Amino acid sequence: SYRRFRTNLKLSMDALSSKVFLVTSGSAKDGKTSTAVNLATSFISENKKVLLIDVNFWRPKLHTVFPKIQPEGLNGGEPSEFGLSTLLNGLCQHQEVIRPSGIDGLDVIDAGPLPSNPADLLGSAKMQQMLKQQRENYDYVIVDGPPVLLVSDVKALAKHVDASVLIFNAGFTRRGAALRTIRELRDVNAEVGGCVLFGVKSMKGGYFSEQFKSYQEYQKAQLAQSI
């Protein structure tokens, strides 16, 4: 499913110029961090170099998904004292916040400490310049952002990326909330690259169940031919 998502995203955008994607949602816990991480790893499977940035200062997650390697006795899952917030505030340099994820080809920038001025930082010229610089160093830059309907600052950030990908959860997202999320971004002329329906449950005899069964049978046939 994530490989199909990657392909659809590339086909819907200019493959040469579209390199920076914001992954966001209407509300919290819709699955945007999971989607951002899996989209990044799907690009890596094509031998691409990817940078994953956590811009959710309020509820950062990437430091738990990719714990920083710490000296013995220290917890690697704790938030870093350096991150995007300290970089944008001029307290450190790029090389101090970009770190390896533990997966070849994937680097990470943690959110850093919660700043007093998150709106100013996300919409700043420094943020725009940072994204512009990193698009030269990486094949793709994936930005894991805060929810659109909870934090209005993300709309300023959306104008600095090539496209935004919206995550809607089949179990939680209301139709009205989904439409409002799209409208909020379009109101600021942000490019919406597409939407992902997350957390869909396959029903017995339903479309997704049949599709997955067909995929498994197809893979078995392919493997048998290659032996």
C-alpha atoms as a PDB file:
ATOM      1  CA  SER A   1       0.000   0.000   0.000  1.00  0.00           C
ATOM      2  CA  TYR A   2       2.824   2.425   0.801  1.00  0.00           C
ATOM      3  CA  ARG A   3       4.593   1.605  -2.439  1.00  0.00           C
ATOM      4  CA  ARG A   4       1.363   2.309  -4.292  1.00  0.00           C
ATOM      5  CA  PHE A   5       1.029   5.559  -2.335  1.00  0.00           C
ATOM      6  CA  ARG A   6       4.571   6.536  -3.334  1.00  0.00           C
ATOM      7  CA  THR A   7       3.859   5.814  -6.999  1.00  0.00           C
ATOM      8  CA  ASN A   8       0.561   7.725  -7.008  1.00  0.00           C
ATOM      9  CA  LEU A   9       2.211  10.706  -5.326  1.00  0.00           C
ATOM     10  CA  LYS A  10       5.005  10.819  -7.884  1.00  0.00           C
ATOM     11  CA  LEU A  11       2.564  10.531 -10.792  1.00  0.00           C
ATOM     12  CA  SER A  12       0.354  13.311  -9.461  1.00  0.00           C
ATOM     13  CA  MET A  13       3.231  15.784  -9.107  1.00  0.00           C
ATOM     14  CA  ASP A  14       6.126  17.024 -11.209  1.00  0.00           C
ATOM     15  CA  ALA A  15       8.589  14.193 -10.601  1.00  0.00           C
ATOM     16  CA  LEU A  16      11.634  16.404 -11.171  1.00  0.00           C
ATOM     17  CA  SER A  17      10.771  19.444  -9.049  1.00  0.00           C
ATOM     18  CA  SER A  18       8.539  17.961  -6.315  1.00  0.00           C
ATOM     19  CA  LYS A  19      10.899  16.874  -3.553  1.00  0.00           C
ATOM     20  CA  VAL A  20       9.580  18.377  -0.306  1.00  0.00           C
ATOM     21  CA  PHE A  21       6.336  16.975   1.115  1.00  0.00           C
ATOM     22  CA  LEU A  22       4.429  17.954   4.243  1.00  0.00           C
ATOM     23  CA  VAL A  23       2.478  15.111   5.847  1.00  0.00           C
ATOM     24  CA  THR A  24      -0.315  16.424   8.043  1.00  0.00           C
ATOM     25  CA  SER A  25      -3.859  15.686   9.168  1.00  0.00           C
ATOM     26  CA  GLY A  26      -6.909  17.423  10.505  1.00  0.00           C
ATOM     27  CA  SER A  27      -6.662  16.083  14.051  1.00  0.00           C
ATOM     28  CA  ALA A  28      -4.163  14.281  16.254  1.00  0.00           C
ATOM     29  CA  LYS A  29      -3.654  10.501  16.196  1.00  0.00           C
ATOM     30  CA  ASP A  30      -4.861  10.100  12.603  1.00  0.00           C
ATOM     31  CA  GLY A  31      -1.671   8.269  11.551  1.00  0.00           C
ATOM     32  CA  LYS A  32       0.410  11.021   9.968  1.00  0.00           C
ATOM     33  CA  THR A  33       3.706  10.083  11.655  1.00  0.00           C
ATOM     34  CA  SER A  34       3.285   6.433  10.622  1.00  0.00           C
ATOM     35  CA  THR A  35       2.545   7.565   7.074  1.00  0.00           C
ATOM     36  CA  ALA A  36       5.495   9.977   6.983  1.00  0.00           C
ATOM     37  CA  VAL A  37       7.917   7.301   8.196  1.00  0.00           C
ATOM     38  CA  ASN A  38       6.641   4.636   5.792  1.00  0.00           C
ATOM     39  CA  LEU A  39       6.629   7.064   2.858  1.00  0.00           C
ATOM     40  CA  ALA A  40      10.254   7.913   3.636  1.00  0.00           C
ATOM     41  CA  THR A  41      11.271   4.238   3.779  1.00  0.00           C
ATOM     42  CA  SER A  42       9.406   3.518   0.535  1.00  0.00           C
ATOM     43  CA  PHE A  43      11.540   6.148  -1.201  1.00  0.00           C
ATOM     44  CA  ILE A  44      14.665   4.575   0.325  1.00  0.00           C
ATOM     45  CA  SER A  45      13.728   1.257  -1.279  1.00  0.00           C
ATOM     46  CA  GLU A  46      14.307   3.031  -4.607  1.00  0.00           C
ATOM     47  CA  ASN A  47      17.844   3.900  -3.442  1.00  0.00           C
ATOM     48  CA  LYS A  48      16.902   7.513  -2.742  1.00  0.00           C
ATOM     49  CA  LYS A  49      18.403   9.668  -0.003  1.00  0.00           C
ATOM     50  CA  VAL A  50      15.705  11.016   2.322  1.00  0.00           C
ATOM     51  CA  LEU A  51      15.559  13.552   5.164  1.00  0.00           C
ATOM     52  CA  LEU A  52      12.698  13.221   7.665  1.00  0.00           C
ATOM     53  CA  ILE A  53      11.937  16.367   9.705  1.00  0.00           C
ATOM     54  CA  ASP A  54       9.759  16.539  12.811  1.00  0.00           C
ATOM     55  CA  VAL A  55       8.090  19.973  12.939  1.00  0.00           C
ATOM     56  CA  ASN A  56       5.458  18.999  15.507  1.00  0.00           C
ATOM     57  CA  PHE A  57       6.906  20.978  18.416  1.00  0.00           C
ATOM     58  CA  TRP A  58       3.840  20.237  20.543  1.00  0.00           C
ATOM     59  CA  ARG A  59       3.888  16.422  20.264  1.00  0.00           C
ATOM     60  CA  PRO A  60       7.153  15.291  18.615  1.00  0.00           C
ATOM     61  CA  LYS A  61       7.359  11.602  17.759  1.00  0.00           C
ATOM     62  CA  LEU A  62      10.364  10.900  15.549  1.00  0.00           C
ATOM     63  CA  HIS A  63      12.793  10.744  18.499  1.00  0.00           C
ATOM     64  CA  THR A  64      10.801   7.710  19.741  1.00  0.00           C
ATOM     65  CA  VAL A  65      10.543   6.060  16.312  1.00  0.00           C
ATOM     66  CA  PHE A  66      14.263   6.551  15.662  1.00  0.00           C
ATOM     67  CA  PRO A  67      15.973   6.779  19.085  1.00  0.00           C
ATOM     68  CA  LYS A  68      19.273   8.579  19.099  1.00  0.00           C
ATOM     69  CA  ILE A  69      22.227   6.375  19.990  1.00  0.00           C
ATOM     70  CA  GLN A  70      23.332   7.456  23.461  1.00  0.00           C
ATOM     71  CA  PRO A  71      26.229   6.496  25.742  1.00  0.00           C
ATOM     72  CA  GLU A  72      25.556   3.439  27.903  1.00  0.00           C
ATOM     73  CA  GLY A  73      23.074   4.137  30.683  1.00  0.00           C
ATOM     74  CA  LEU A  74      21.232   6.989  28.937  1.00  0.00           C
ATOM     75  CA  ASN A  75      17.788   6.689  27.373  1.00  0.00           C
ATOM     76  CA  GLY A  76      17.950   7.212  23.617  1.00  0.00           C
ATOM     77  CA  GLY A  77      14.203   7.834  23.372  1.00  0.00           C
ATOM     78  CA  GLU A  78      14.292  11.146  25.210  1.00  0.00           C
ATOM     79  CA  PRO A  79      13.741  14.420  23.282  1.00  0.00           C
ATOM     80  CA  SER A  80      16.989  15.957  22.061  1.00  0.00           C
ATOM     81  CA  GLU A  81      18.252  19.279  23.390  1.00  0.00           C
ATOM     82  CA  PHE A  82      19.077  20.160  19.782  1.00  0.00           C
ATOM     83  CA  GLY A  83      16.591  20.071  16.948  1.00  0.00           C
ATOM     84  CA  LEU A  84      14.661  22.147  14.471  1.00  0.00           C
ATOM     85  CA  SER A  85      13.644  24.742  17.074  1.00  0.00           C
ATOM     86  CA  THR A  86      17.231  25.413  18.165  1.00  0.00           C
ATOM     87  CA  LEU A  87      18.389  25.497  14.536  1.00  0.00           C
ATOM     88  CA  LEU A  88      15.771  28.069  13.519  1.00  0.00           C
ATOM     89  CA  ASN A  89      16.547  30.145  16.610  1.00  0.00           C
ATOM     90  CA  GLY A  90      20.195  30.307  15.555  1.00  0.00           C
ATOM     91  CA  LEU A  91      21.482  28.270  18.514  1.00  0.00           C
ATOM     92  CA  CYS A  92      23.173  25.540  16.460  1.00  0.00           C
ATOM     93  CA  GLN A  93      24.210  24.568  12.937  1.00  0.00           C
ATOM     94  CA  HIS A  94      22.734  22.088  10.451  1.00  0.00           C
ATOM     95  CA  GLN A  95      25.376  19.465  11.144  1.00  0.00           C
ATOM     96  CA  GLU A  96      24.420  19.452  14.828  1.00  0.00           C
ATOM     97  CA  VAL A  97      20.760  18.541  14.241  1.00  0.00           C
ATOM     98  CA  ILE A  98      20.861  16.211  11.219  1.00  0.00           C
ATOM     99  CA  ARG A  99      21.487  12.701  12.505  1.00  0.00           C
ATOM    100  CA  PRO A 100      21.355   9.163  11.069  1.00  0.00           C
ATOM    101  CA  SER A 101      18.159   7.220  11.710  1.00  0.00           C
ATOM    102  CA  GLY A 102      19.841   3.827  11.788  1.00  0.00           C
ATOM    103  CA  ILE A 103      18.495   3.042   8.301  1.00  0.00           C
ATOM    104  CA  ASP A 104      20.840   3.541   5.358  1.00  0.00           C
ATOM    105  CA  GLY A 105      19.781   6.526   3.287  1.00  0.00           C
ATOM    106  CA  LEU A 106      17.495   8.070   5.916  1.00  0.00           C
ATOM    107  CA  ASP A 107      18.484  11.020   8.110  1.00  0.00           C
ATOM    108  CA  VAL A 108      16.359  12.718  10.768  1.00  0.00           C
ATOM    109  CA  ILE A 109      15.945  16.177  12.279  1.00  0.00           C
ATOM    110  CA  ASP A 110      14.173  16.062  15.645  1.00  0.00           C
ATOM    111  CA  ALA A 111      11.737  18.806  16.679  1.00  0.00           C
ATOM    112  CA  GLY A 112      13.858  19.988  19.588  1.00  0.00           C
ATOM    113  CA  PRO A 113      12.549  21.813  22.682  1.00  0.00           C
ATOM    114  CA  LEU A 114       9.147  23.523  22.456  1.00  0.00           C
ATOM    115  CA  PRO A 115       9.871  27.140  21.421  1.00  0.00           C
ATOM    116  CA  SER A 116       8.009  30.181  22.662  1.00  0.00           C
ATOM    117  CA  ASN A 117       7.278  31.285  19.093  1.00  0.00           C
ATOM    118  CA  PRO A 118       6.397  28.164  17.021  1.00  0.00           C
ATOM    119  CA  ALA A 119       4.231  30.103  14.548  1.00  0.00           C
ATOM    120  CA  ASP A 120       7.032  32.544  13.788  1.00  0.00           C
ATOM    121  CA  LEU A 121       9.549  29.735  13.306  1.00  0.00           C
ATOM    122  CA  LEU A 122       7.441  27.575  10.974  1.00  0.00           C
ATOM    123  CA  GLY A 123       6.548  30.496   8.740  1.00  0.00           C
ATOM    124  CA  SER A 124       9.954  32.150   8.856  1.00  0.00           C
ATOM    125  CA  ALA A 125      12.411  32.822   6.066  1.00  0.00           C
ATOM    126  CA  LYS A 126      14.894  30.625   7.966  1.00  0.00           C
ATOM    127  CA  MET A 127      12.543  27.650   7.652  1.00  0.00           C
ATOM    128  CA  GLN A 128      12.088  28.322   3.962  1.00  0.00           C
ATOM    129  CA  GLN A 129      15.859  28.634   3.477  1.00  0.00           C
ATOM    130  CA  MET A 130      16.512  25.437   5.425  1.00  0.00           C
ATOM    131  CA  LEU A 131      14.107  23.443   3.222  1.00  0.00           C
ATOM    132  CA  LYS A 132      15.637  24.992   0.107  1.00  0.00           C
ATOM    133  CA  GLN A 133      19.119  23.989   1.238  1.00  0.00           C
ATOM    134  CA  GLN A 134      18.178  20.426   2.149  1.00  0.00           C
ATOM    135  CA  ARG A 135      16.410  19.790  -1.143  1.00  0.00           C
ATOM    136  CA  GLU A 136      19.854  20.161  -2.701  1.00  0.00           C
ATOM    137  CA  ASN A 137      21.336  17.551  -0.337  1.00  0.00           C
ATOM    138  CA  TYR A 138      18.552  14.941  -0.478  1.00  0.00           C
ATOM    139  CA  ASP A 139      16.367  13.329  -3.111  1.00  0.00           C
ATOM    140  CA  TYR A 140      13.301  13.826  -0.912  1.00  0.00           C
ATOM    141  CA  VAL A 141      12.481  15.771   2.245  1.00  0.00           C
ATOM    142  CA  ILE A 142       9.477  14.516   4.254  1.00  0.00           C
ATOM    143  CA  VAL A 143       8.085  16.902   6.881  1.00  0.00           C
ATOM    144  CA  ASP A 144       5.995  15.403   9.698  1.00  0.00           C
ATOM    145  CA  GLY A 145       3.748  18.304  10.687  1.00  0.00           C
ATOM    146  CA  PRO A 146       1.163  19.111  13.359  1.00  0.00           C
ATOM    147  CA  PRO A 147      -2.615  18.828  12.719  1.00  0.00           C
ATOM    148  CA  VAL A 148      -4.132  21.561  10.558  1.00  0.00           C
ATOM    149  CA  LEU A 149      -7.302  22.009  12.613  1.00  0.00           C
ATOM    150  CA  LEU A 150      -5.469  22.160  15.944  1.00  0.00           C
ATOM    151  CA  VAL A 151      -2.450  24.292  15.066  1.00  0.00           C
ATOM    152  CA  SER A 152      -2.952  27.056  12.512  1.00  0.00           C
ATOM    153  CA  ASP A 153       0.813  27.596  12.168  1.00  0.00           C
ATOM    154  CA  VAL A 154       1.087  24.594   9.856  1.00  0.00           C
ATOM    155  CA  LYS A 155      -0.690  26.584   7.135  1.00  0.00           C
ATOM    156  CA  ALA A 156       2.264  28.983   6.957  1.00  0.00           C
ATOM    157  CA  LEU A 157       4.606  26.015   6.612  1.00  0.00           C
ATOM    158  CA  ALA A 158       2.460  24.458   3.869  1.00  0.00           C
ATOM    159  CA  LYS A 159       3.372  27.314   1.545  1.00  0.00           C
ATOM    160  CA  HIS A 160       7.093  26.433   1.821  1.00  0.00           C
ATOM    161  CA  VAL A 161       6.744  22.830   0.581  1.00  0.00           C
ATOM    162  CA  ASP A 162       6.053  21.398  -2.866  1.00  0.00           C
ATOM    163  CA  ALA A 163       2.872  19.643  -1.728  1.00  0.00           C
ATOM    164  CA  SER A 164       0.938  18.603   1.360  1.00  0.00           C
ATOM    165  CA  VAL A 165      -0.367  15.084   1.919  1.00  0.00           C
ATOM    166  CA  LEU A 166      -3.436  14.857   4.165  1.00  0.00           C
ATOM    167  CA  ILE A 167      -4.063  11.831   6.375  1.00  0.00           C
ATOM    168  CA  PHE A 168      -7.624  10.898   7.272  1.00  0.00           C
ATOM    169  CA  ASN A 169      -8.411   8.065   9.672  1.00  0.00           C
ATOM    170  CA  ALA A 170     -11.256   5.774   8.661  1.00  0.00           C
ATOM    171  CA  GLY A 171     -12.174   5.220  12.295  1.00  0.00           C
ATOM    172  CA  PHE A 172     -12.077   8.795  13.590  1.00  0.00           C
ATOM    173  CA  THR A 173     -12.179  11.458  10.869  1.00  0.00           C
ATOM    174  CA  ARG A 174     -15.578  12.997  10.220  1.00  0.00           C
ATOM    175  CA  ARG A 175     -16.533  14.041   6.699  1.00  0.00           C
ATOM    176  CA  GLY A 176     -16.933  17.653   7.792  1.00  0.00           C
ATOM    177  CA  ALA A 177     -13.503  17.699   9.419  1.00  0.00           C
ATOM    178  CA  ALA A 178     -11.906  16.257   6.275  1.00  0.00           C
ATOM    179  CA  LEU A 179     -13.526  18.879   4.042  1.00  0.00           C
ATOM    180  CA  ARG A 180     -12.556  21.663   6.428  1.00  0.00           C
ATOM    181  CA  THR A 181      -8.930  20.462   6.519  1.00  0.00           C
ATOM    182  CA  ILE A 182      -8.698  20.595   2.727  1.00  0.00           C
ATOM    183  CA  ARG A 183     -10.393  23.989   2.661  1.00  0.00           C
ATOM    184  CA  GLU A 184      -8.036  25.437   5.301  1.00  0.00           C
ATOM    185  CA  LEU A 185      -5.007  24.601   3.149  1.00  0.00           C
ATOM    186  CA  ARG A 186      -6.553  25.717  -0.120  1.00  0.00           C
ATOM    187  CA  ASP A 187      -7.511  29.034   1.467  1.00  0.00           C
ATOM    188  CA  VAL A 188      -3.796  29.850   1.816  1.00  0.00           C
ATOM    189  CA  ASN A 189      -3.050  28.566  -1.723  1.00  0.00           C
ATOM    190  CA  ALA A 190      -1.148  25.532  -0.431  1.00  0.00           C
ATOM    191  CA  GLU A 191      -0.706  22.687  -2.884  1.00  0.00           C
ATOM    192  CA  VAL A 192      -2.601  19.552  -1.771  1.00  0.00           C
ATOM    193  CA  GLY A 193      -0.864  16.603  -3.385  1.00  0.00           C
ATOM    194  CA  GLY A 194      -3.388  14.025  -2.234  1.00  0.00           C
ATOM    195  CA  CYS A 195      -5.049  12.290   0.676  1.00  0.00           C
ATOM    196  CA  VAL A 196      -4.435   8.994   2.450  1.00  0.00           C
ATOM    197  CA  LEU A 197      -7.162   6.998   4.200  1.00  0.00           C
ATOM    198  CA  PHE A 198      -5.466   5.422   7.200  1.00  0.00           C
ATOM    199  CA  GLY A 199      -6.689   2.616   9.462  1.00  0.00           C
ATOM    200  CA  VAL A 200      -9.144   1.001   7.050  1.00  0.00           C
ATOM    201  CA  LYS A 201     -10.430  -2.339   8.345  1.00  0.00           C
ATOM    202  CA  SER A 202     -10.846  -5.035   5.738  1.00  0.00           C
ATOM    203  CA  MET A 203     -14.188  -6.814   5.971  1.00  0.00           C
ATOM    204  CA  LYS A 204     -14.698 -10.436   5.132  1.00  0.00           C
ATOM    205  CA  GLY A 205     -15.553 -10.621   1.470  1.00  0.00           C
ATOM    206  CA  GLY A 206     -14.959  -6.871   1.089  1.00  0.00           C
ATOM    207  CA  TYR A 207     -12.864  -5.076  -1.532  1.00  0.00           C
ATOM    208  CA  PHE A 208      -9.701  -4.702   0.560  1.00  0.00           C
ATOM    209  CA  SER A 209      -9.783  -8.309   1.716  1.00  0.00           C
ATOM    210  CA  GLU A 210     -10.158  -9.583  -1.837  1.00  0.00           C
ATOM    211  CA  GLN A 211      -7.460  -7.215  -3.084  1.00  0.00           C
ATOM    212  CA  PHE A 212      -4.987  -8.392  -0.437  1.00  0.00           C
ATOM    213  CA  LYS A 213      -5.750 -12.043  -1.189  1.00  0.00           C
ATOM    214  CA  SER A 214      -5.175 -11.456  -4.911  1.00  0.00           C
ATOM    215  CA  TYR A 215      -1.895  -9.668  -4.148  1.00  0.00           C
ATOM    216  CA  GLN A 216      -0.649 -12.613  -2.057  1.00  0.00           C
ATOM    217  CA  GLU A 217      -1.498 -15.083  -4.821  1.00  0.00           C
ATOM    218  CA  TYR A 218       0.203 -12.861  -7.398  1.00  0.00           C
ATOM    219  CA  GLN A 219       3.364 -12.651  -5.266  1.00  0.00           C
ATOM    220  CA  LYS A 220       3.459 -16.427  -4.838  1.00  0.00           C
ATOM    221  CA  ALA A 221       3.247 -16.892  -8.612  1.00  0.00           C
ATOM    222  CA  GLN A 222       6.075 -14.403  -9.142  1.00  0.00           C
ATOM    223  CA  LEU A 223       8.282 -16.128  -6.572  1.00  0.00           C
ATOM    224  CA  ALA A 224       7.612 -19.553  -8.075  1.00  0.00           C
ATOM    225  CA  GLN A 225       8.717 -18.341 -11.521  1.00  0.00           C
ATOM    226  CA  SER A 226      11.934 -16.879 -10.136  1.00  0.00           C
ATOM    227  CA  ILE A 227      13.045 -20.140  -8.470  1.00  0.00           C
END
